[in-house]
Amino acid sequence: MIVGWCRGPIADLTARAVDDPRVTVAIIDFSDALRAAAGSAHRLDAIVIDLYVGPDNDTRAADPLYGTRACEQAFTSLRPGGVFAIWAEAYHESYAKRLAAAGFSVTYERPAKGNRRFVVYLATKPSRG
């Protein structure tokens, strides 16, 4: 449905990005896509997760989206300088530490004007020397 919107009523808002020949749209389970990307020789520029439920202090280390392995797979999947961006309802130091332990440099932004609760973690893979 979202891809249809991007080709139809909101195409101008997205600059028709889904029709760009450099873009691949895959409608599959995110954890499967992350696992496949980590095993590929092709590295990504960015990985963005914007789901209804983001990471929090109760997120298990084995969580398929926000756990230790998922962070490591995202790190492996990115080219040097690539960014793993994750939306969350609030900042949680435990998740930032998990990203850092995977090798990322971690910052975060609060993009919602007037709402200090929501955050986007920006986990950057270090560039080569």
N, C-alpha and C. Protein backbone atom coordinates (compact mmCIF):
# COMPACT_ATOMS: atom_id res chain seq x y z
N MET A 1 0.82 -1.18 0.00
CA MET A 1 0.00 0.00 0.00
C MET A 1 0.88 1.26 0.00
N ILE A 2 1.92 1.28 0.83
CA ILE A 2 2.79 2.45 0.91
C ILE A 2 3.52 2.67 -0.42
N VAL A 3 3.99 1.59 -1.03
CA VAL A 3 4.68 1.72 -2.32
C VAL A 3 3.70 2.29 -3.35
N GLY A 4 2.46 1.86 -3.31
CA GLY A 4 1.44 2.40 -4.21
C GLY A 4 1.24 3.89 -3.99
N TRP A 5 1.21 4.31 -2.74
CA TRP A 5 1.09 5.74 -2.44
C TRP A 5 2.29 6.50 -3.00
N CYS A 6 3.49 5.90 -2.85
CA CYS A 6 4.72 6.57 -3.32
C CYS A 6 4.76 6.67 -4.84
N ARG A 7 4.03 5.81 -5.51
CA ARG A 7 3.95 5.89 -6.98
C ARG A 7 2.73 6.69 -7.42
N GLY A 8 1.83 6.98 -6.49
CA GLY A 8 0.58 7.67 -6.81
C GLY A 8 0.45 9.01 -6.10
N PRO A 9 -0.43 9.07 -5.10
CA PRO A 9 -0.78 10.37 -4.52
C PRO A 9 0.36 11.13 -3.82
N ILE A 10 1.38 10.45 -3.36
CA ILE A 10 2.48 11.19 -2.72
C ILE A 10 3.77 11.13 -3.53
N ALA A 11 3.66 10.75 -4.79
CA ALA A 11 4.85 10.63 -5.65
C ALA A 11 5.65 11.93 -5.70
N ASP A 12 4.96 13.06 -5.80
CA ASP A 12 5.67 14.34 -5.86
C ASP A 12 6.39 14.64 -4.55
N LEU A 13 5.81 14.23 -3.42
CA LEU A 13 6.45 14.47 -2.11
C LEU A 13 7.73 13.65 -1.94
N THR A 14 7.79 12.50 -2.59
CA THR A 14 8.97 11.62 -2.48
C THR A 14 9.91 11.75 -3.66
N ALA A 15 9.61 12.70 -4.55
CA ALA A 15 10.39 12.89 -5.78
C ALA A 15 10.47 11.58 -6.58
N ARG A 16 9.42 10.79 -6.48
CA ARG A 16 9.33 9.50 -7.18
C ARG A 16 10.51 8.58 -6.89
N ALA A 17 10.95 8.61 -5.64
CA ALA A 17 12.14 7.85 -5.23
C ALA A 17 12.01 6.35 -5.50
N VAL A 18 10.82 5.78 -5.32
CA VAL A 18 10.69 4.33 -5.53
C VAL A 18 10.87 3.93 -6.98
N ASP A 19 10.78 4.88 -7.91
CA ASP A 19 10.98 4.58 -9.32
C ASP A 19 12.41 4.85 -9.79
N ASP A 20 13.25 5.34 -8.91
CA ASP A 20 14.65 5.59 -9.23
C ASP A 20 15.32 4.23 -9.46
N PRO A 21 16.07 4.06 -10.54
CA PRO A 21 16.68 2.75 -10.82
C PRO A 21 17.69 2.31 -9.76
N ARG A 22 18.15 3.22 -8.92
CA ARG A 22 19.08 2.86 -7.84
C ARG A 22 18.36 2.33 -6.61
N VAL A 23 17.03 2.40 -6.60
CA VAL A 23 16.24 2.01 -5.45
C VAL A 23 15.66 0.62 -5.66
N THR A 24 15.75 -0.19 -4.62
CA THR A 24 15.12 -1.50 -4.63
C THR A 24 14.10 -1.53 -3.50
N VAL A 25 12.88 -1.89 -3.82
CA VAL A 25 11.83 -2.02 -2.81
C VAL A 25 11.60 -3.51 -2.60
N ALA A 26 11.76 -3.94 -1.36
CA ALA A 26 11.52 -5.35 -1.02
C ALA A 26 10.53 -5.38 0.12
N ILE A 27 9.43 -6.07 -0.07
CA ILE A 27 8.42 -6.17 0.98
C ILE A 27 8.60 -7.54 1.63
N ILE A 28 9.47 -7.54 2.65
CA ILE A 28 9.80 -8.76 3.37
C ILE A 28 9.99 -8.41 4.84
N ASP A 29 10.12 -9.41 5.67
CA ASP A 29 10.36 -9.20 7.09
C ASP A 29 11.70 -8.50 7.28
N PHE A 30 11.70 -7.43 8.10
CA PHE A 30 12.92 -6.65 8.27
C PHE A 30 14.07 -7.47 8.82
N SER A 31 13.82 -8.35 9.78
CA SER A 31 14.92 -9.14 10.33
C SER A 31 15.52 -10.06 9.27
N ASP A 32 14.68 -10.57 8.34
CA ASP A 32 15.21 -11.37 7.24
C ASP A 32 16.06 -10.52 6.29
N ALA A 33 15.58 -9.30 6.00
CA ALA A 33 16.34 -8.39 5.13
C ALA A 33 17.67 -8.01 5.76
N LEU A 34 17.67 -7.75 7.06
CA LEU A 34 18.90 -7.38 7.76
C LEU A 34 19.90 -8.54 7.74
N ARG A 35 19.43 -9.74 7.97
CA ARG A 35 20.28 -10.92 7.95
C ARG A 35 20.88 -11.12 6.55
N ALA A 36 20.06 -10.93 5.50
CA ALA A 36 20.55 -11.08 4.13
C ALA A 36 21.57 -10.00 3.79
N ALA A 37 21.32 -8.77 4.21
CA ALA A 37 22.25 -7.67 3.93
C ALA A 37 23.59 -7.91 4.61
N ALA A 38 23.56 -8.43 5.83
CA ALA A 38 24.80 -8.69 6.56
C ALA A 38 25.64 -9.77 5.87
N GLY A 39 24.98 -10.68 5.16
CA GLY A 39 25.69 -11.74 4.48
C GLY A 39 26.09 -11.41 3.04
N SER A 40 25.75 -10.21 2.60
CA SER A 40 26.03 -9.79 1.23
C SER A 40 27.35 -9.03 1.14
N ALA A 41 27.98 -9.09 -0.01
CA ALA A 41 29.20 -8.30 -0.23
C ALA A 41 28.86 -6.85 -0.53
N HIS A 42 27.61 -6.58 -0.92
CA HIS A 42 27.15 -5.22 -1.23
C HIS A 42 26.82 -4.50 0.08
N ARG A 43 27.42 -3.35 0.31
CA ARG A 43 27.18 -2.59 1.53
C ARG A 43 26.19 -1.46 1.28
N LEU A 44 25.40 -1.16 2.28
CA LEU A 44 24.35 -0.15 2.18
C LEU A 44 24.83 1.21 2.70
N ASP A 45 24.20 2.27 2.21
CA ASP A 45 24.49 3.62 2.70
C ASP A 45 23.72 3.92 3.98
N ALA A 46 22.52 3.36 4.10
CA ALA A 46 21.69 3.65 5.27
C ALA A 46 20.69 2.52 5.49
N ILE A 47 20.33 2.37 6.75
CA ILE A 47 19.25 1.47 7.16
C ILE A 47 18.39 2.29 8.11
N VAL A 48 17.09 2.34 7.84
CA VAL A 48 16.19 3.16 8.65
C VAL A 48 15.07 2.27 9.17
N ILE A 49 14.85 2.33 10.49
CA ILE A 49 13.74 1.61 11.11
C ILE A 49 12.80 2.64 11.72
N ASP A 50 11.56 2.64 11.29
CA ASP A 50 10.53 3.53 11.85
C ASP A 50 9.29 2.66 12.04
N LEU A 51 9.25 1.98 13.16
CA LEU A 51 8.15 1.08 13.46
C LEU A 51 7.33 1.62 14.62
N TYR A 52 6.16 1.05 14.81
CA TYR A 52 5.27 1.50 15.88
C TYR A 52 5.93 1.38 17.25
N VAL A 53 6.66 0.30 17.48
CA VAL A 53 7.32 0.09 18.76
C VAL A 53 8.83 0.09 18.52
N GLY A 54 9.53 1.02 19.17
CA GLY A 54 10.98 1.09 19.05
C GLY A 54 11.64 0.44 20.25
N PRO A 55 12.96 0.53 20.32
CA PRO A 55 13.69 -0.07 21.45
C PRO A 55 13.42 0.70 22.74
N ASP A 56 13.50 -0.02 23.85
CA ASP A 56 13.38 0.62 25.16
C ASP A 56 14.25 -0.13 26.16
N ASN A 57 14.17 0.24 27.43
CA ASN A 57 15.02 -0.39 28.44
C ASN A 57 14.70 -1.87 28.65
N ASP A 58 13.52 -2.30 28.20
CA ASP A 58 13.13 -3.71 28.36
C ASP A 58 13.45 -4.56 27.13
N THR A 59 14.05 -3.96 26.10
CA THR A 59 14.37 -4.70 24.89
C THR A 59 15.41 -5.77 25.20
N ARG A 60 15.08 -7.01 24.88
CA ARG A 60 15.97 -8.14 25.14
C ARG A 60 17.17 -8.12 24.20
N ALA A 61 18.26 -8.66 24.66
CA ALA A 61 19.48 -8.75 23.82
C ALA A 61 19.23 -9.61 22.59
N ALA A 62 18.26 -10.54 22.66
CA ALA A 62 17.96 -11.43 21.53
C ALA A 62 16.85 -10.88 20.62
N ASP A 63 16.38 -9.67 20.85
CA ASP A 63 15.32 -9.09 20.03
C ASP A 63 15.76 -9.06 18.56
N PRO A 64 14.90 -9.53 17.63
CA PRO A 64 15.31 -9.61 16.22
C PRO A 64 15.46 -8.26 15.53
N LEU A 65 14.90 -7.19 16.08
CA LEU A 65 15.01 -5.87 15.48
C LEU A 65 16.00 -4.96 16.19
N TYR A 66 16.07 -5.05 17.51
CA TYR A 66 16.86 -4.11 18.30
C TYR A 66 17.88 -4.77 19.21
N GLY A 67 18.03 -6.07 19.09
CA GLY A 67 18.95 -6.81 19.95
C GLY A 67 20.39 -6.71 19.50
N THR A 68 21.26 -7.36 20.25
CA THR A 68 22.70 -7.34 19.98
C THR A 68 23.02 -7.81 18.57
N ARG A 69 22.46 -8.93 18.17
CA ARG A 69 22.74 -9.49 16.83
C ARG A 69 22.26 -8.55 15.73
N ALA A 70 21.08 -7.95 15.91
CA ALA A 70 20.55 -7.02 14.91
C ALA A 70 21.47 -5.81 14.76
N CYS A 71 21.98 -5.29 15.86
CA CYS A 71 22.92 -4.16 15.80
C CYS A 71 24.19 -4.56 15.07
N GLU A 72 24.70 -5.75 15.37
CA GLU A 72 25.91 -6.23 14.70
C GLU A 72 25.67 -6.45 13.20
N GLN A 73 24.50 -6.99 12.84
CA GLN A 73 24.18 -7.19 11.43
C GLN A 73 24.06 -5.86 10.70
N ALA A 74 23.45 -4.88 11.34
CA ALA A 74 23.34 -3.55 10.72
C ALA A 74 24.73 -2.97 10.50
N PHE A 75 25.60 -3.10 11.48
CA PHE A 75 26.97 -2.59 11.35
C PHE A 75 27.68 -3.24 10.17
N THR A 76 27.58 -4.57 10.06
CA THR A 76 28.22 -5.31 8.97
C THR A 76 27.63 -4.92 7.62
N SER A 77 26.34 -4.62 7.58
CA SER A 77 25.65 -4.32 6.33
C SER A 77 25.99 -2.96 5.74
N LEU A 78 26.49 -2.05 6.57
CA LEU A 78 26.74 -0.68 6.12
C LEU A 78 28.15 -0.48 5.59
N ARG A 79 28.28 0.42 4.65
CA ARG A 79 29.59 0.85 4.18
C ARG A 79 30.18 1.77 5.25
N PRO A 80 31.49 2.01 5.25
CA PRO A 80 32.06 2.98 6.18
C PRO A 80 31.38 4.35 5.98
N GLY A 81 30.99 4.96 7.07
CA GLY A 81 30.27 6.23 7.02
C GLY A 81 28.77 6.07 6.91
N GLY A 82 28.29 4.82 6.75
CA GLY A 82 26.86 4.55 6.64
C GLY A 82 26.15 4.78 7.96
N VAL A 83 24.85 5.01 7.89
CA VAL A 83 24.06 5.35 9.08
C VAL A 83 22.91 4.36 9.28
N PHE A 84 22.75 3.93 10.52
CA PHE A 84 21.64 3.11 10.97
C PHE A 84 20.77 4.05 11.81
N ALA A 85 19.58 4.41 11.31
CA ALA A 85 18.69 5.34 12.00
C ALA A 85 17.50 4.59 12.55
N ILE A 86 17.21 4.80 13.84
CA ILE A 86 16.16 4.05 14.51
C ILE A 86 15.25 5.00 15.28
N TRP A 87 13.95 4.99 14.97
CA TRP A 87 12.98 5.79 15.70
C TRP A 87 12.64 5.08 17.01
N ALA A 88 12.44 5.86 18.06
CA ALA A 88 12.00 5.30 19.35
C ALA A 88 11.11 6.31 20.06
N GLU A 89 10.30 5.83 20.96
CA GLU A 89 9.41 6.71 21.71
C GLU A 89 10.17 7.56 22.72
N ALA A 90 11.33 7.09 23.15
CA ALA A 90 12.13 7.84 24.13
C ALA A 90 13.57 7.37 24.04
N TYR A 91 14.47 8.18 24.56
CA TYR A 91 15.89 7.82 24.58
C TYR A 91 16.14 6.82 25.72
N HIS A 92 16.89 5.78 25.42
CA HIS A 92 17.25 4.77 26.41
C HIS A 92 18.74 4.50 26.30
N GLU A 93 19.46 4.84 27.31
CA GLU A 93 20.92 4.68 27.34
C GLU A 93 21.32 3.24 27.05
N SER A 94 20.52 2.28 27.51
CA SER A 94 20.87 0.87 27.30
C SER A 94 20.93 0.53 25.80
N TYR A 95 20.04 1.10 25.01
CA TYR A 95 20.06 0.84 23.56
C TYR A 95 21.24 1.56 22.91
N ALA A 96 21.50 2.77 23.32
CA ALA A 96 22.66 3.50 22.79
C ALA A 96 23.95 2.72 23.07
N LYS A 97 24.06 2.14 24.24
CA LYS A 97 25.23 1.33 24.59
C LYS A 97 25.32 0.08 23.73
N ARG A 98 24.17 -0.52 23.42
CA ARG A 98 24.16 -1.72 22.57
C ARG A 98 24.67 -1.37 21.17
N LEU A 99 24.24 -0.23 20.64
CA LEU A 99 24.72 0.23 19.33
C LEU A 99 26.21 0.50 19.36
N ALA A 100 26.67 1.16 20.42
CA ALA A 100 28.10 1.48 20.55
C ALA A 100 28.93 0.20 20.66
N ALA A 101 28.41 -0.80 21.37
CA ALA A 101 29.12 -2.07 21.52
C ALA A 101 29.27 -2.78 20.17
N ALA A 102 28.34 -2.51 19.24
CA ALA A 102 28.43 -3.11 17.90
C ALA A 102 29.46 -2.38 17.03
N GLY A 103 29.95 -1.22 17.49
CA GLY A 103 30.97 -0.48 16.76
C GLY A 103 30.54 0.88 16.25
N PHE A 104 29.28 1.24 16.47
CA PHE A 104 28.77 2.51 15.97
C PHE A 104 29.17 3.69 16.85
N SER A 105 29.26 4.85 16.23
CA SER A 105 29.31 6.13 16.92
C SER A 105 27.84 6.55 17.02
N VAL A 106 27.36 6.84 18.24
CA VAL A 106 25.92 7.03 18.44
C VAL A 106 25.59 8.45 18.91
N THR A 107 24.65 9.06 18.22
CA THR A 107 24.05 10.32 18.64
C THR A 107 22.55 10.14 18.52
N TYR A 108 21.79 11.14 18.90
CA TYR A 108 20.34 11.07 18.70
C TYR A 108 19.78 12.46 18.52
N GLU A 109 18.64 12.52 17.85
CA GLU A 109 17.93 13.77 17.59
C GLU A 109 16.52 13.64 18.13
N ARG A 110 15.94 14.78 18.48
CA ARG A 110 14.54 14.83 18.89
C ARG A 110 13.78 15.61 17.80
N PRO A 111 13.27 14.91 16.78
CA PRO A 111 12.73 15.59 15.61
C PRO A 111 11.33 16.18 15.77
N ALA A 112 10.58 15.75 16.77
CA ALA A 112 9.20 16.22 16.92
C ALA A 112 9.17 17.57 17.63
N LYS A 113 8.79 18.58 16.92
CA LYS A 113 8.72 19.93 17.51
C LYS A 113 7.74 19.93 18.67
N GLY A 114 8.18 20.45 19.80
CA GLY A 114 7.31 20.54 20.96
C GLY A 114 7.19 19.25 21.76
N ASN A 115 7.81 18.18 21.29
CA ASN A 115 7.74 16.91 22.02
C ASN A 115 9.15 16.43 22.28
N ARG A 116 9.57 16.45 23.50
CA ARG A 116 10.93 16.05 23.88
C ARG A 116 11.05 14.55 24.08
N ARG A 117 9.97 13.82 23.89
CA ARG A 117 9.99 12.39 24.16
C ARG A 117 10.56 11.57 23.00
N PHE A 118 10.05 11.75 21.79
CA PHE A 118 10.46 10.93 20.66
C PHE A 118 11.89 11.22 20.25
N VAL A 119 12.61 10.15 19.83
CA VAL A 119 13.99 10.31 19.39
C VAL A 119 14.25 9.48 18.14
N VAL A 120 15.30 9.86 17.43
CA VAL A 120 15.84 9.05 16.35
C VAL A 120 17.31 8.86 16.69
N TYR A 121 17.69 7.60 16.94
CA TYR A 121 19.10 7.27 17.16
C TYR A 121 19.80 7.33 15.81
N LEU A 122 20.97 7.92 15.76
CA LEU A 122 21.79 7.95 14.55
C LEU A 122 23.08 7.22 14.87
N ALA A 123 23.15 5.98 14.41
CA ALA A 123 24.31 5.14 14.66
C ALA A 123 25.15 5.11 13.39
N THR A 124 26.31 5.73 13.43
CA THR A 124 27.16 5.87 12.25
C THR A 124 28.33 4.91 12.31
N LYS A 125 28.52 4.18 11.22
CA LYS A 125 29.69 3.31 11.12
C LYS A 125 30.90 4.19 10.81
N PRO A 126 31.95 4.06 11.59
CA PRO A 126 33.13 4.92 11.36
C PRO A 126 33.65 4.79 9.93
N SER A 127 34.12 5.91 9.39
CA SER A 127 34.75 5.90 8.07
C SER A 127 36.14 5.32 8.18
N ARG A 128 36.61 4.83 7.09
CA ARG A 128 37.99 4.32 7.08
C ARG A 128 38.94 5.48 7.30
N GLY A 129 40.10 5.20 7.93
CA GLY A 129 41.11 6.19 8.23
C GLY A 129 41.47 7.03 7.09
